[in-house]
Amino acid sequence: MKSRTTVERKSERELVVTRTFDSPARLVFEAWTRPELFRQWWVPKGAPITLKSCEMDVRVGGGYKLVFDYQGNEMPFF
């Protein structure tokens, strides 16, 4: 199986993106939960935006903070 992505619009305010990876679940989990790995793949290559910083607390009740840079403008995402 190849990796693939599907996008489905559920409503005007809901979009579901599903990614299927041809990889062991352990490695996919690490890619989603280790900031140094997450930063390597989250922003598509060639996108006009960069991920400047990534903080993650992946425990139950934890949180995250991603800071993107677009043309010199920082955009935090919590």
Protein backbone atom coordinates (compact mmCIF):
# COMPACT_ATOMS: atom_id res chain seq x y z
CA MET A 1 0.00 0.00 0.00
CA LYS A 2 1.26 3.50 -0.81
CA SER A 3 0.77 6.44 1.50
CA ARG A 4 -2.31 8.45 0.53
CA THR A 5 -4.38 11.38 1.68
CA THR A 6 -8.11 11.92 1.28
CA VAL A 7 -10.11 15.05 2.08
CA GLU A 8 -13.82 15.09 2.80
CA ARG A 9 -15.95 18.16 3.53
CA LYS A 10 -18.48 17.22 6.19
CA SER A 11 -20.10 20.66 6.46
CA GLU A 12 -19.31 24.34 5.96
CA ARG A 13 -17.20 24.24 9.11
CA GLU A 14 -15.83 20.70 9.14
CA LEU A 15 -13.15 19.18 6.95
CA VAL A 16 -11.79 15.67 7.54
CA VAL A 17 -8.30 14.87 6.26
CA THR A 18 -7.31 11.19 6.41
CA ARG A 19 -3.76 10.06 5.82
CA THR A 20 -2.82 6.42 5.33
CA PHE A 21 0.83 5.53 5.83
CA ASP A 22 2.67 2.42 4.72
CA SER A 23 4.62 2.23 7.95
CA PRO A 24 4.49 0.52 11.35
CA ALA A 25 2.09 2.23 13.77
CA ARG A 26 4.96 2.85 16.21
CA LEU A 27 6.82 5.00 13.67
CA VAL A 28 3.70 6.95 12.68
CA PHE A 29 3.00 7.60 16.39
CA GLU A 30 6.55 8.89 16.88
CA ALA A 31 6.26 11.16 13.83
CA TRP A 32 3.12 12.73 15.37
CA THR A 33 4.41 13.00 18.94
CA ARG A 34 8.12 13.91 18.75
CA PRO A 35 8.56 17.61 17.88
CA GLU A 36 11.84 17.06 16.04
CA LEU A 37 10.16 14.52 13.74
CA PHE A 38 6.86 16.42 13.43
CA ARG A 39 8.72 19.52 12.15
CA GLN A 40 10.25 17.47 9.32
CA TRP A 41 6.97 16.58 7.64
CA TRP A 42 4.10 18.82 8.82
CA VAL A 43 4.54 21.58 6.22
CA PRO A 44 4.55 20.30 2.62
CA LYS A 45 7.77 20.83 0.67
CA GLY A 46 7.44 23.84 -1.58
CA ALA A 47 4.80 25.52 0.60
CA PRO A 48 5.40 29.26 1.09
CA ILE A 49 5.31 28.80 4.87
CA THR A 50 7.74 27.40 7.43
CA LEU A 51 7.24 25.87 10.86
CA LYS A 52 9.49 27.97 13.11
CA SER A 53 8.81 26.21 16.39
CA CYS A 54 6.91 23.24 17.72
CA GLU A 55 6.09 22.54 21.37
CA MET A 56 4.07 19.45 22.25
CA ASP A 57 2.80 17.86 25.44
CA VAL A 58 1.20 14.69 24.10
CA ARG A 59 -0.10 13.43 27.42
CA VAL A 60 -3.85 13.30 28.05
CA GLY A 61 -4.90 16.90 28.76
CA GLY A 62 -1.69 18.24 27.24
CA GLY A 63 -1.40 20.87 24.55
CA TYR A 64 0.68 22.12 21.66
CA LYS A 65 1.95 25.34 20.15
CA LEU A 66 3.07 25.60 16.54
CA VAL A 67 4.50 28.85 15.24
CA PHE A 68 4.47 29.31 11.48
CA ASP A 69 6.26 31.97 9.46
CA TYR A 70 4.68 33.32 6.31
CA GLN A 71 6.53 36.12 4.55
CA GLY A 72 8.04 37.37 7.82
CA ASN A 73 4.76 37.18 9.76
CA GLU A 74 4.54 34.79 12.70
CA MET A 75 1.32 32.85 13.11
CA PRO A 76 0.96 30.88 16.35
CA PHE A 77 -1.43 27.95 16.41
CA PHE A 78 -2.53 26.41 19.72
